[in-house]
Amino acid sequence: MASLIDTIPLGRMATTTGVADVAEFLAGERSSFITDEEVLANGGSGNRTAPRCSLSIPPHQQRSW
């Protein structure tokens, strides 16, 4: 585990709360100008070979313009 953590620039593993905070921000009003972006909550590791988790916003929470 220590060798894995050494590869993460922030020096720690993600928590469910940390990842949920990103999802909450993206679903909220403060991100209203962000469109079609991939946000990696990976502690800065930039490891693009890792499995991905995509966030789907339920239709009742999506904005319609």
N, C-alpha and C. Protein backbone atom coordinates (compact mmCIF):
# COMPACT_ATOMS: atom_id res chain seq x y z
N MET A 1 0.82 -1.18 0.00
CA MET A 1 0.00 0.00 0.00
C MET A 1 0.87 1.26 0.00
N ALA A 2 1.95 1.25 0.76
CA ALA A 2 2.82 2.42 0.84
C ALA A 2 3.42 2.76 -0.52
N SER A 3 3.78 1.74 -1.30
CA SER A 3 4.35 2.01 -2.62
C SER A 3 3.32 2.62 -3.56
N LEU A 4 2.05 2.24 -3.41
CA LEU A 4 0.98 2.84 -4.20
C LEU A 4 0.80 4.30 -3.81
N ILE A 5 0.74 4.57 -2.52
CA ILE A 5 0.57 5.94 -2.04
C ILE A 5 1.72 6.82 -2.49
N ASP A 6 2.92 6.27 -2.59
CA ASP A 6 4.08 7.03 -3.04
C ASP A 6 3.93 7.52 -4.48
N THR A 7 3.05 6.90 -5.27
CA THR A 7 2.85 7.31 -6.66
C THR A 7 1.81 8.43 -6.78
N ILE A 8 1.14 8.78 -5.69
CA ILE A 8 0.10 9.80 -5.70
C ILE A 8 0.69 11.12 -5.20
N PRO A 9 0.70 12.16 -6.04
CA PRO A 9 1.31 13.43 -5.64
C PRO A 9 0.78 14.01 -4.32
N LEU A 10 -0.49 13.83 -4.02
CA LEU A 10 -1.02 14.35 -2.75
C LEU A 10 -0.60 13.50 -1.57
N GLY A 11 -0.06 12.31 -1.83
CA GLY A 11 0.49 11.47 -0.76
C GLY A 11 -0.53 10.76 0.10
N ARG A 12 -1.74 10.58 -0.41
CA ARG A 12 -2.77 9.87 0.36
C ARG A 12 -3.78 9.26 -0.60
N MET A 13 -4.50 8.27 -0.08
CA MET A 13 -5.56 7.63 -0.87
C MET A 13 -6.81 8.50 -0.82
N ALA A 14 -7.64 8.36 -1.83
CA ALA A 14 -8.91 9.08 -1.87
C ALA A 14 -9.85 8.53 -0.81
N THR A 15 -10.77 9.37 -0.40
CA THR A 15 -11.84 8.92 0.49
C THR A 15 -13.16 9.03 -0.27
N THR A 16 -14.15 8.33 0.19
CA THR A 16 -15.46 8.44 -0.46
C THR A 16 -15.99 9.86 -0.36
N THR A 17 -15.71 10.53 0.74
CA THR A 17 -16.15 11.91 0.92
C THR A 17 -15.47 12.83 -0.09
N GLY A 18 -14.19 12.63 -0.31
CA GLY A 18 -13.47 13.46 -1.27
C GLY A 18 -14.02 13.33 -2.68
N VAL A 19 -14.31 12.11 -3.08
CA VAL A 19 -14.88 11.88 -4.41
C VAL A 19 -16.32 12.41 -4.47
N ALA A 20 -17.09 12.23 -3.41
CA ALA A 20 -18.46 12.74 -3.37
C ALA A 20 -18.48 14.26 -3.44
N ASP A 21 -17.48 14.91 -2.86
CA ASP A 21 -17.40 16.38 -2.93
C ASP A 21 -17.26 16.85 -4.37
N VAL A 22 -16.47 16.12 -5.16
CA VAL A 22 -16.31 16.47 -6.58
C VAL A 22 -17.65 16.30 -7.30
N ALA A 23 -18.32 15.18 -7.06
CA ALA A 23 -19.62 14.93 -7.69
C ALA A 23 -20.64 15.99 -7.29
N GLU A 24 -20.65 16.36 -6.02
CA GLU A 24 -21.59 17.38 -5.53
C GLU A 24 -21.32 18.73 -6.20
N PHE A 25 -20.06 19.08 -6.33
CA PHE A 25 -19.72 20.33 -7.01
C PHE A 25 -20.22 20.32 -8.44
N LEU A 26 -19.95 19.23 -9.17
CA LEU A 26 -20.34 19.15 -10.57
C LEU A 26 -21.85 19.17 -10.75
N ALA A 27 -22.59 18.68 -9.77
CA ALA A 27 -24.05 18.66 -9.86
C ALA A 27 -24.67 19.97 -9.39
N GLY A 28 -23.87 20.84 -8.80
CA GLY A 28 -24.39 22.08 -8.23
C GLY A 28 -24.32 23.27 -9.17
N GLU A 29 -24.85 24.39 -8.69
CA GLU A 29 -24.91 25.62 -9.46
C GLU A 29 -23.53 26.23 -9.73
N ARG A 30 -22.57 26.00 -8.84
CA ARG A 30 -21.25 26.62 -9.01
C ARG A 30 -20.51 26.06 -10.23
N SER A 31 -20.97 24.96 -10.77
CA SER A 31 -20.32 24.38 -11.96
C SER A 31 -21.18 24.58 -13.21
N SER A 32 -22.07 25.54 -13.18
CA SER A 32 -23.06 25.69 -14.26
C SER A 32 -22.44 26.01 -15.62
N PHE A 33 -21.19 26.46 -15.66
CA PHE A 33 -20.56 26.78 -16.93
C PHE A 33 -19.63 25.67 -17.41
N ILE A 34 -19.55 24.59 -16.67
CA ILE A 34 -18.71 23.46 -17.05
C ILE A 34 -19.55 22.50 -17.89
N THR A 35 -19.07 22.18 -19.09
CA THR A 35 -19.79 21.25 -19.95
C THR A 35 -18.82 20.25 -20.56
N ASP A 36 -19.27 19.03 -20.71
CA ASP A 36 -18.56 17.98 -21.44
C ASP A 36 -17.09 17.86 -21.04
N GLU A 37 -16.83 17.76 -19.76
CA GLU A 37 -15.47 17.61 -19.25
C GLU A 37 -15.33 16.30 -18.48
N GLU A 38 -14.14 15.78 -18.48
CA GLU A 38 -13.81 14.61 -17.68
C GLU A 38 -12.98 15.09 -16.51
N VAL A 39 -13.48 14.90 -15.31
CA VAL A 39 -12.78 15.34 -14.11
C VAL A 39 -12.23 14.10 -13.41
N LEU A 40 -10.92 14.05 -13.26
CA LEU A 40 -10.29 12.92 -12.60
C LEU A 40 -9.99 13.29 -11.16
N ALA A 41 -10.65 12.64 -10.24
CA ALA A 41 -10.39 12.84 -8.81
C ALA A 41 -9.38 11.77 -8.41
N ASN A 42 -8.11 12.02 -8.77
CA ASN A 42 -7.10 10.99 -8.60
C ASN A 42 -5.89 11.46 -7.79
N GLY A 43 -6.03 12.56 -7.10
CA GLY A 43 -4.93 13.04 -6.28
C GLY A 43 -3.74 13.55 -7.07
N GLY A 44 -3.95 13.79 -8.35
CA GLY A 44 -2.90 14.31 -9.19
C GLY A 44 -2.03 13.27 -9.86
N SER A 45 -2.39 12.01 -9.72
CA SER A 45 -1.53 10.97 -10.28
C SER A 45 -1.56 10.95 -11.81
N GLY A 46 -2.65 11.37 -12.42
CA GLY A 46 -2.72 11.42 -13.87
C GLY A 46 -2.59 10.06 -14.53
N ASN A 47 -2.85 9.00 -13.80
CA ASN A 47 -2.74 7.66 -14.33
C ASN A 47 -3.94 7.36 -15.22
N ARG A 48 -3.78 7.51 -16.49
CA ARG A 48 -4.89 7.31 -17.43
C ARG A 48 -5.15 5.85 -17.73
N THR A 49 -4.36 4.94 -17.17
CA THR A 49 -4.59 3.52 -17.42
C THR A 49 -5.46 2.90 -16.34
N ALA A 50 -5.77 3.66 -15.30
CA ALA A 50 -6.59 3.13 -14.21
C ALA A 50 -8.05 3.03 -14.66
N PRO A 51 -8.81 2.11 -14.09
CA PRO A 51 -10.23 2.02 -14.40
C PRO A 51 -10.92 3.33 -14.07
N ARG A 52 -11.89 3.67 -14.85
CA ARG A 52 -12.58 4.94 -14.66
C ARG A 52 -13.96 4.73 -14.05
N CYS A 53 -14.40 5.71 -13.34
CA CYS A 53 -15.76 5.72 -12.79
C CYS A 53 -16.44 6.95 -13.35
N SER A 54 -17.49 6.78 -14.13
CA SER A 54 -18.16 7.94 -14.69
C SER A 54 -19.34 8.33 -13.82
N LEU A 55 -19.60 9.61 -13.80
CA LEU A 55 -20.68 10.17 -13.00
C LEU A 55 -21.86 10.46 -13.91
N SER A 56 -22.98 9.88 -13.62
CA SER A 56 -24.19 10.17 -14.38
C SER A 56 -25.14 10.94 -13.48
N ILE A 57 -25.58 12.09 -13.97
CA ILE A 57 -26.53 12.90 -13.22
C ILE A 57 -27.93 12.46 -13.63
N PRO A 58 -28.76 12.09 -12.64
CA PRO A 58 -30.12 11.64 -12.96
C PRO A 58 -30.88 12.71 -13.74
N PRO A 59 -31.76 12.32 -14.65
CA PRO A 59 -32.50 13.29 -15.47
C PRO A 59 -33.21 14.37 -14.66
N HIS A 60 -33.74 14.03 -13.50
CA HIS A 60 -34.47 15.04 -12.72
C HIS A 60 -33.54 16.10 -12.14
N GLN A 61 -32.21 15.87 -12.16
CA GLN A 61 -31.26 16.87 -11.67
C GLN A 61 -30.53 17.59 -12.80
N GLN A 62 -30.77 17.17 -14.04
CA GLN A 62 -30.11 17.81 -15.17
C GLN A 62 -30.80 19.12 -15.51
N ARG A 63 -30.01 20.04 -16.01
CA ARG A 63 -30.57 21.33 -16.41
C ARG A 63 -30.99 21.24 -17.88
N SER A 64 -32.09 21.86 -18.20
CA SER A 64 -32.47 21.98 -19.60
C SER A 64 -32.45 23.46 -19.95
N TRP A 65 -31.87 23.77 -21.09
CA TRP A 65 -31.70 25.18 -21.47
C TRP A 65 -32.79 25.53 -22.39
